[in-house]
């Protein structure tokens, strides 16, 4: 089926009727130009999502990966529950870390409230290399309610699916798996990183799963080039 012809982004931007009190003509012209780019960005996001959904079958999962959950051992296949899609986020909180990764923690704190909604469409799990007792203790400390945490008991899953960096250090990873006709296959993973970053740009992924950056990107200051979230900011405002 041929793709429908699209109205130019600038024409759509001009149709926008929003006006802000006391704005100048210069502001409106610049805002319309920006709006046209935002429309093109939305269209590109949709094209990329379509390409992702059209990926051919990924590599079959042939190992029986085992994790430790709050209620005991569980396999990767069991993490699917009654869903055909499983999303696993690998949390940088290995046994050698005194505290977990602040960046991972920031993102997971935002996702905690989304888990009930995500779970309507896909299974979701957070896997880390620390013992399950340690993960659950931090979950309580952080005030998370919904994140399903599991311990990678022998590092096998983390090693195979790129959650262990050079020298054995933790690395964040996001992997999606599918189940069909009794077969589990890898579907997609985040592959953007330092090797794929542009000069002067942070090696963030696309899509960027950090709501923090989405909010800061709408501010005049933007994302601070050397600032990253912390686990705690003390009592200062």
C-alpha atoms as a PDB file:
ATOM      1  CA  UNK A   1       0.000   0.000   0.000  1.00  0.00           C
ATOM      2  CA  UNK A   2       1.368   3.379  -0.956  1.00  0.00           C
ATOM      3  CA  UNK A   3       2.117   5.734   1.886  1.00  0.00           C
ATOM      4  CA  UNK A   4      -0.371   8.603   2.089  1.00  0.00           C
ATOM      5  CA  UNK A   5       0.870  11.937   0.839  1.00  0.00           C
ATOM      6  CA  UNK A   6       1.671  14.290   3.708  1.00  0.00           C
ATOM      7  CA  UNK A   7       1.027  17.978   4.003  1.00  0.00           C
ATOM      8  CA  UNK A   8       4.275  19.859   4.445  1.00  0.00           C
ATOM      9  CA  UNK A   9       5.314  20.278   8.046  1.00  0.00           C
ATOM     10  CA  UNK A  10       5.550  24.042   7.649  1.00  0.00           C
ATOM     11  CA  UNK A  11       1.984  24.196   6.321  1.00  0.00           C
ATOM     12  CA  UNK A  12       0.766  22.216   9.316  1.00  0.00           C
ATOM     13  CA  UNK A  13       2.718  24.530  11.607  1.00  0.00           C
ATOM     14  CA  UNK A  14       1.029  27.556  10.047  1.00  0.00           C
ATOM     15  CA  UNK A  15      -2.369  25.984  10.704  1.00  0.00           C
ATOM     16  CA  UNK A  16      -1.592  25.918  14.398  1.00  0.00           C
ATOM     17  CA  UNK A  17      -3.790  28.471  16.111  1.00  0.00           C
ATOM     18  CA  UNK A  18      -1.946  28.708  19.420  1.00  0.00           C
ATOM     19  CA  UNK A  19      -0.845  32.176  20.473  1.00  0.00           C
ATOM     20  CA  UNK A  20       0.835  33.098  23.745  1.00  0.00           C
ATOM     21  CA  UNK A  21      -0.014  36.353  25.556  1.00  0.00           C
ATOM     22  CA  UNK A  22       2.277  39.251  24.566  1.00  0.00           C
ATOM     23  CA  UNK A  23       4.411  37.186  22.166  1.00  0.00           C
ATOM     24  CA  UNK A  24       6.283  39.069  19.450  1.00  0.00           C
ATOM     25  CA  UNK A  25       6.105  38.475  15.717  1.00  0.00           C
ATOM     26  CA  UNK A  26       9.726  37.292  15.831  1.00  0.00           C
ATOM     27  CA  UNK A  27       8.838  34.738  18.476  1.00  0.00           C
ATOM     28  CA  UNK A  28       5.882  33.424  16.449  1.00  0.00           C
ATOM     29  CA  UNK A  29       7.989  33.053  13.288  1.00  0.00           C
ATOM     30  CA  UNK A  30      10.712  31.194  15.171  1.00  0.00           C
ATOM     31  CA  UNK A  31       8.126  29.058  16.977  1.00  0.00           C
ATOM     32  CA  UNK A  32       6.456  28.077  13.699  1.00  0.00           C
ATOM     33  CA  UNK A  33       9.815  27.037  12.273  1.00  0.00           C
ATOM     34  CA  UNK A  34      10.498  24.987  15.396  1.00  0.00           C
ATOM     35  CA  UNK A  35       7.017  23.469  15.273  1.00  0.00           C
ATOM     36  CA  UNK A  36       7.651  22.333  11.704  1.00  0.00           C
ATOM     37  CA  UNK A  37      10.808  20.557  12.890  1.00  0.00           C
ATOM     38  CA  UNK A  38       8.887  18.994  15.789  1.00  0.00           C
ATOM     39  CA  UNK A  39       6.318  17.679  13.305  1.00  0.00           C
ATOM     40  CA  UNK A  40       9.113  16.197  11.187  1.00  0.00           C
ATOM     41  CA  UNK A  41      10.602  14.640  14.333  1.00  0.00           C
ATOM     42  CA  UNK A  42       7.272  13.024  15.175  1.00  0.00           C
ATOM     43  CA  UNK A  43       7.063  11.633  11.664  1.00  0.00           C
ATOM     44  CA  UNK A  44      10.597  10.264  11.900  1.00  0.00           C
ATOM     45  CA  UNK A  45       9.845   8.645  15.250  1.00  0.00           C
ATOM     46  CA  UNK A  46       6.871   6.908  13.634  1.00  0.00           C
ATOM     47  CA  UNK A  47       8.991   5.716  10.690  1.00  0.00           C
ATOM     48  CA  UNK A  48      11.620   4.305  13.026  1.00  0.00           C
ATOM     49  CA  UNK A  49       8.952   2.550  15.098  1.00  0.00           C
ATOM     50  CA  UNK A  50       7.516   0.989  11.942  1.00  0.00           C
ATOM     51  CA  UNK A  51      10.983  -0.258  10.934  1.00  0.00           C
ATOM     52  CA  UNK A  52      11.477  -1.715  14.399  1.00  0.00           C
ATOM     53  CA  UNK A  53       8.167  -3.561  14.285  1.00  0.00           C
ATOM     54  CA  UNK A  54       9.083  -4.950  10.854  1.00  0.00           C
ATOM     55  CA  UNK A  55      12.355  -6.535  11.996  1.00  0.00           C
ATOM     56  CA  UNK A  56      12.763 -10.174  10.948  1.00  0.00           C
ATOM     57  CA  UNK A  57      12.821 -12.794  13.712  1.00  0.00           C
ATOM     58  CA  UNK A  58      15.765 -12.318  16.049  1.00  0.00           C
ATOM     59  CA  UNK A  59      18.068 -14.889  17.548  1.00  0.00           C
ATOM     60  CA  UNK A  60      16.391 -17.783  19.315  1.00  0.00           C
ATOM     61  CA  UNK A  61      16.927 -18.037  23.055  1.00  0.00           C
ATOM     62  CA  UNK A  62      18.271 -21.551  23.513  1.00  0.00           C
ATOM     63  CA  UNK A  63      19.591 -21.319  27.078  1.00  0.00           C
ATOM     64  CA  UNK A  64      17.474 -21.738  30.192  1.00  0.00           C
ATOM     65  CA  UNK A  65      18.302 -18.492  31.949  1.00  0.00           C
ATOM     66  CA  UNK A  66      17.503 -18.565  35.657  1.00  0.00           C
ATOM     67  CA  UNK A  67      16.809 -15.632  37.951  1.00  0.00           C
ATOM     68  CA  UNK A  68      15.986 -15.276  41.629  1.00  0.00           C
ATOM     69  CA  UNK A  69      12.791 -13.390  42.364  1.00  0.00           C
ATOM     70  CA  UNK A  70      11.039 -12.429  45.603  1.00  0.00           C
ATOM     71  CA  UNK A  71       9.211 -15.753  45.574  1.00  0.00           C
ATOM     72  CA  UNK A  72      12.085 -17.981  44.464  1.00  0.00           C
ATOM     73  CA  UNK A  73      13.738 -19.124  41.223  1.00  0.00           C
ATOM     74  CA  UNK A  74      12.175 -18.165  37.910  1.00  0.00           C
ATOM     75  CA  UNK A  75      13.246 -18.759  34.311  1.00  0.00           C
ATOM     76  CA  UNK A  76      13.262 -16.257  31.473  1.00  0.00           C
ATOM     77  CA  UNK A  77      10.325 -18.072  29.898  1.00  0.00           C
ATOM     78  CA  UNK A  78       8.372 -17.774  33.129  1.00  0.00           C
ATOM     79  CA  UNK A  79       8.950 -14.012  33.167  1.00  0.00           C
ATOM     80  CA  UNK A  80       6.589 -13.760  30.173  1.00  0.00           C
ATOM     81  CA  UNK A  81       3.622 -14.727  32.339  1.00  0.00           C
ATOM     82  CA  UNK A  82       0.593 -14.643  30.051  1.00  0.00           C
ATOM     83  CA  UNK A  83       2.138 -12.169  27.600  1.00  0.00           C
ATOM     84  CA  UNK A  84       3.919 -12.823  24.296  1.00  0.00           C
ATOM     85  CA  UNK A  85       6.367  -9.941  24.713  1.00  0.00           C
ATOM     86  CA  UNK A  86       8.873  -9.461  27.513  1.00  0.00           C
ATOM     87  CA  UNK A  87      10.925  -6.334  28.219  1.00  0.00           C
ATOM     88  CA  UNK A  88      13.974  -6.736  30.464  1.00  0.00           C
ATOM     89  CA  UNK A  89      15.952  -3.779  31.764  1.00  0.00           C
ATOM     90  CA  UNK A  90      19.396  -4.630  33.139  1.00  0.00           C
ATOM     91  CA  UNK A  91      19.984  -2.432  36.192  1.00  0.00           C
ATOM     92  CA  UNK A  92      23.539  -1.364  37.016  1.00  0.00           C
ATOM     93  CA  UNK A  93      23.533  -2.654  40.582  1.00  0.00           C
ATOM     94  CA  UNK A  94      26.047  -5.460  40.740  1.00  0.00           C
ATOM     95  CA  UNK A  95      27.514  -6.929  43.939  1.00  0.00           C
ATOM     96  CA  UNK A  96      30.689  -4.856  43.592  1.00  0.00           C
ATOM     97  CA  UNK A  97      28.711  -1.588  43.778  1.00  0.00           C
ATOM     98  CA  UNK A  98      28.182   0.052  47.147  1.00  0.00           C
ATOM     99  CA  UNK A  99      25.141   1.858  45.713  1.00  0.00           C
ATOM    100  CA  UNK A 100      23.264   1.471  42.427  1.00  0.00           C
ATOM    101  CA  UNK A 101      23.767   3.604  39.328  1.00  0.00           C
ATOM    102  CA  UNK A 102      22.035   6.983  39.826  1.00  0.00           C
ATOM    103  CA  UNK A 103      21.099   7.239  36.129  1.00  0.00           C
ATOM    104  CA  UNK A 104      19.440   3.815  36.118  1.00  0.00           C
ATOM    105  CA  UNK A 105      17.732   4.627  39.390  1.00  0.00           C
ATOM    106  CA  UNK A 106      16.353   7.912  38.045  1.00  0.00           C
ATOM    107  CA  UNK A 107      14.864   6.203  35.014  1.00  0.00           C
ATOM    108  CA  UNK A 108      13.455   3.282  36.996  1.00  0.00           C
ATOM    109  CA  UNK A 109      11.891   5.664  39.510  1.00  0.00           C
ATOM    110  CA  UNK A 110       9.930   7.201  36.648  1.00  0.00           C
ATOM    111  CA  UNK A 111       9.002   3.789  35.236  1.00  0.00           C
ATOM    112  CA  UNK A 112       7.804   2.457  38.587  1.00  0.00           C
ATOM    113  CA  UNK A 113       4.496   4.227  38.173  1.00  0.00           C
ATOM    114  CA  UNK A 114       4.199   3.064  34.566  1.00  0.00           C
ATOM    115  CA  UNK A 115       4.551  -0.649  35.317  1.00  0.00           C
ATOM    116  CA  UNK A 116       0.810  -1.267  35.870  1.00  0.00           C
ATOM    117  CA  UNK A 117       0.140   0.267  32.436  1.00  0.00           C
ATOM    118  CA  UNK A 118       3.065  -1.435  30.663  1.00  0.00           C
ATOM    119  CA  UNK A 119       1.932  -4.757  32.103  1.00  0.00           C
ATOM    120  CA  UNK A 120      -1.374  -4.482  30.271  1.00  0.00           C
ATOM    121  CA  UNK A 121       0.511  -4.909  26.990  1.00  0.00           C
ATOM    122  CA  UNK A 122       3.816  -6.632  27.786  1.00  0.00           C
ATOM    123  CA  UNK A 123       5.662  -8.360  30.593  1.00  0.00           C
ATOM    124  CA  UNK A 124       8.328  -6.200  32.232  1.00  0.00           C
ATOM    125  CA  UNK A 125      11.237  -7.155  34.479  1.00  0.00           C
ATOM    126  CA  UNK A 126      14.264  -5.445  35.976  1.00  0.00           C
ATOM    127  CA  UNK A 127      17.326  -7.668  36.322  1.00  0.00           C
ATOM    128  CA  UNK A 128      20.469  -6.883  38.320  1.00  0.00           C
ATOM    129  CA  UNK A 129      23.454  -8.897  39.448  1.00  0.00           C
ATOM    130  CA  UNK A 130      23.116  -8.252  43.184  1.00  0.00           C
ATOM    131  CA  UNK A 131      21.364 -10.765  45.450  1.00  0.00           C
ATOM    132  CA  UNK A 132      17.589 -10.418  45.477  1.00  0.00           C
ATOM    133  CA  UNK A 133      17.590  -9.414  49.165  1.00  0.00           C
ATOM    134  CA  UNK A 134      19.774  -6.424  48.361  1.00  0.00           C
ATOM    135  CA  UNK A 135      17.562  -5.413  45.452  1.00  0.00           C
ATOM    136  CA  UNK A 136      14.398  -5.628  47.530  1.00  0.00           C
ATOM    137  CA  UNK A 137      15.984  -3.615  50.339  1.00  0.00           C
ATOM    138  CA  UNK A 138      16.783  -0.799  47.932  1.00  0.00           C
ATOM    139  CA  UNK A 139      13.311  -1.012  46.405  1.00  0.00           C
ATOM    140  CA  UNK A 140      11.882  -0.373  49.877  1.00  0.00           C
ATOM    141  CA  UNK A 141      14.373   2.425  50.545  1.00  0.00           C
ATOM    142  CA  UNK A 142      13.513   4.122  47.256  1.00  0.00           C
ATOM    143  CA  UNK A 143       9.783   3.762  47.757  1.00  0.00           C
ATOM    144  CA  UNK A 144       9.179   1.804  44.575  1.00  0.00           C
ATOM    145  CA  UNK A 145       5.852   0.001  44.480  1.00  0.00           C
ATOM    146  CA  UNK A 146       5.561  -1.801  41.153  1.00  0.00           C
ATOM    147  CA  UNK A 147       8.993  -2.588  39.689  1.00  0.00           C
ATOM    148  CA  UNK A 148       9.479  -6.374  39.434  1.00  0.00           C
ATOM    149  CA  UNK A 149      13.097  -7.018  40.465  1.00  0.00           C
ATOM    150  CA  UNK A 150      15.097 -10.172  39.779  1.00  0.00           C
ATOM    151  CA  UNK A 151      18.648 -11.233  40.485  1.00  0.00           C
ATOM    152  CA  UNK A 152      20.768 -12.762  37.740  1.00  0.00           C
ATOM    153  CA  UNK A 153      22.072 -15.576  39.870  1.00  0.00           C
ATOM    154  CA  UNK A 154      25.029 -16.628  37.714  1.00  0.00           C
ATOM    155  CA  UNK A 155      25.588 -13.614  35.396  1.00  0.00           C
ATOM    156  CA  UNK A 156      24.864 -15.763  32.348  1.00  0.00           C
ATOM    157  CA  UNK A 157      21.964 -13.679  31.076  1.00  0.00           C
ATOM    158  CA  UNK A 158      23.803 -10.418  31.809  1.00  0.00           C
ATOM    159  CA  UNK A 159      26.870 -11.612  29.942  1.00  0.00           C
ATOM    160  CA  UNK A 160      24.992 -12.852  26.883  1.00  0.00           C
ATOM    161  CA  UNK A 161      22.761  -9.801  26.560  1.00  0.00           C
ATOM    162  CA  UNK A 162      25.389  -7.083  27.026  1.00  0.00           C
ATOM    163  CA  UNK A 163      24.797  -6.053  30.630  1.00  0.00           C
ATOM    164  CA  UNK A 164      28.435  -6.648  31.573  1.00  0.00           C
ATOM    165  CA  UNK A 165      31.049  -4.269  30.232  1.00  0.00           C
ATOM    166  CA  UNK A 166      34.779  -4.588  29.772  1.00  0.00           C
ATOM    167  CA  UNK A 167      36.548  -5.851  32.857  1.00  0.00           C
ATOM    168  CA  UNK A 168      33.355  -7.270  34.290  1.00  0.00           C
ATOM    169  CA  UNK A 169      31.743  -3.951  35.198  1.00  0.00           C
ATOM    170  CA  UNK A 170      28.011  -3.363  35.136  1.00  0.00           C
ATOM    171  CA  UNK A 171      26.426  -1.997  31.993  1.00  0.00           C
ATOM    172  CA  UNK A 172      22.842  -0.968  31.432  1.00  0.00           C
ATOM    173  CA  UNK A 173      20.920  -2.934  28.814  1.00  0.00           C
ATOM    174  CA  UNK A 174      17.400  -2.958  27.424  1.00  0.00           C
ATOM    175  CA  UNK A 175      16.234  -6.106  25.664  1.00  0.00           C
ATOM    176  CA  UNK A 176      12.891  -7.141  24.224  1.00  0.00           C
ATOM    177  CA  UNK A 177      11.959 -10.793  23.680  1.00  0.00           C
ATOM    178  CA  UNK A 178       9.021 -12.438  21.943  1.00  0.00           C
ATOM    179  CA  UNK A 179       7.359 -15.808  22.390  1.00  0.00           C
ATOM    180  CA  UNK A 180       5.587 -17.566  19.535  1.00  0.00           C
ATOM    181  CA  UNK A 181       4.733 -21.223  18.971  1.00  0.00           C
ATOM    182  CA  UNK A 182       6.723 -22.187  22.046  1.00  0.00           C
ATOM    183  CA  UNK A 183       9.887 -20.472  20.789  1.00  0.00           C
ATOM    184  CA  UNK A 184      11.456 -17.459  22.530  1.00  0.00           C
ATOM    185  CA  UNK A 185      13.444 -15.047  20.400  1.00  0.00           C
ATOM    186  CA  UNK A 186      15.258 -11.788  20.911  1.00  0.00           C
ATOM    187  CA  UNK A 187      13.380  -8.954  19.200  1.00  0.00           C
ATOM    188  CA  UNK A 188      15.254  -5.680  19.823  1.00  0.00           C
ATOM    189  CA  UNK A 189      17.830  -4.122  22.090  1.00  0.00           C
ATOM    190  CA  UNK A 190      19.283  -0.675  22.609  1.00  0.00           C
ATOM    191  CA  UNK A 191      22.564  -0.601  20.638  1.00  0.00           C
ATOM    192  CA  UNK A 192      23.439   3.088  20.709  1.00  0.00           C
ATOM    193  CA  UNK A 193      26.378   4.118  22.869  1.00  0.00           C
ATOM    194  CA  UNK A 194      29.732   5.915  22.823  1.00  0.00           C
ATOM    195  CA  UNK A 195      30.713   4.295  19.521  1.00  0.00           C
ATOM    196  CA  UNK A 196      27.616   5.701  17.794  1.00  0.00           C
ATOM    197  CA  UNK A 197      27.557   9.176  19.375  1.00  0.00           C
ATOM    198  CA  UNK A 198      28.164  12.374  17.426  1.00  0.00           C
ATOM    199  CA  UNK A 199      31.019  14.755  18.348  1.00  0.00           C
ATOM    200  CA  UNK A 200      30.145  16.864  21.361  1.00  0.00           C
ATOM    201  CA  UNK A 201      26.943  14.932  22.044  1.00  0.00           C
ATOM    202  CA  UNK A 202      26.112  12.726  24.990  1.00  0.00           C
ATOM    203  CA  UNK A 203      25.836   9.097  23.819  1.00  0.00           C
ATOM    204  CA  UNK A 204      22.153   8.870  24.652  1.00  0.00           C
ATOM    205  CA  UNK A 205      19.997   6.354  22.872  1.00  0.00           C
ATOM    206  CA  UNK A 206      17.066   6.879  20.573  1.00  0.00           C
ATOM    207  CA  UNK A 207      14.504   6.466  21.835  1.00  0.00           C
ATOM    208  CA  UNK A 208      15.776   8.000  25.051  1.00  0.00           C
ATOM    209  CA  UNK A 209      14.012   6.314  27.956  1.00  0.00           C
ATOM    210  CA  UNK A 210      14.922   9.038  30.471  1.00  0.00           C
ATOM    211  CA  UNK A 211      11.914  11.288  31.214  1.00  0.00           C
ATOM    212  CA  UNK A 212      14.363  13.570  33.020  1.00  0.00           C
ATOM    213  CA  UNK A 213      16.094  14.527  29.766  1.00  0.00           C
ATOM    214  CA  UNK A 214      12.780  14.947  27.959  1.00  0.00           C
ATOM    215  CA  UNK A 215      11.720  17.561  30.505  1.00  0.00           C
ATOM    216  CA  UNK A 216      15.076  19.359  30.596  1.00  0.00           C
ATOM    217  CA  UNK A 217      15.206  19.479  26.787  1.00  0.00           C
ATOM    218  CA  UNK A 218      12.129  21.742  26.885  1.00  0.00           C
ATOM    219  CA  UNK A 219      13.868  24.328  29.079  1.00  0.00           C
ATOM    220  CA  UNK A 220      16.009  27.272  27.872  1.00  0.00           C
ATOM    221  CA  UNK A 221      19.028  25.886  29.726  1.00  0.00           C
ATOM    222  CA  UNK A 222      18.622  22.444  28.154  1.00  0.00           C
ATOM    223  CA  UNK A 223      20.404  19.392  29.427  1.00  0.00           C
ATOM    224  CA  UNK A 224      23.519  20.339  31.431  1.00  0.00           C
ATOM    225  CA  UNK A 225      26.504  18.817  29.604  1.00  0.00           C
ATOM    226  CA  UNK A 226      28.276  17.580  32.737  1.00  0.00           C
ATOM    227  CA  UNK A 227      25.397  17.091  35.200  1.00  0.00           C
ATOM    228  CA  UNK A 228      23.854  13.732  36.022  1.00  0.00           C
ATOM    229  CA  UNK A 229      21.242  12.745  38.589  1.00  0.00           C
ATOM    230  CA  UNK A 230      22.207  11.611  42.079  1.00  0.00           C
ATOM    231  CA  UNK A 231      20.634   9.148  44.451  1.00  0.00           C
ATOM    232  CA  UNK A 232      20.131  11.922  47.001  1.00  0.00           C
ATOM    233  CA  UNK A 233      20.393  15.696  47.117  1.00  0.00           C
ATOM    234  CA  UNK A 234      20.296  16.126  50.890  1.00  0.00           C
ATOM    235  CA  UNK A 235      17.920  18.689  52.371  1.00  0.00           C
ATOM    236  CA  UNK A 236      18.786  21.610  50.084  1.00  0.00           C
ATOM    237  CA  UNK A 237      15.993  22.736  47.730  1.00  0.00           C
END
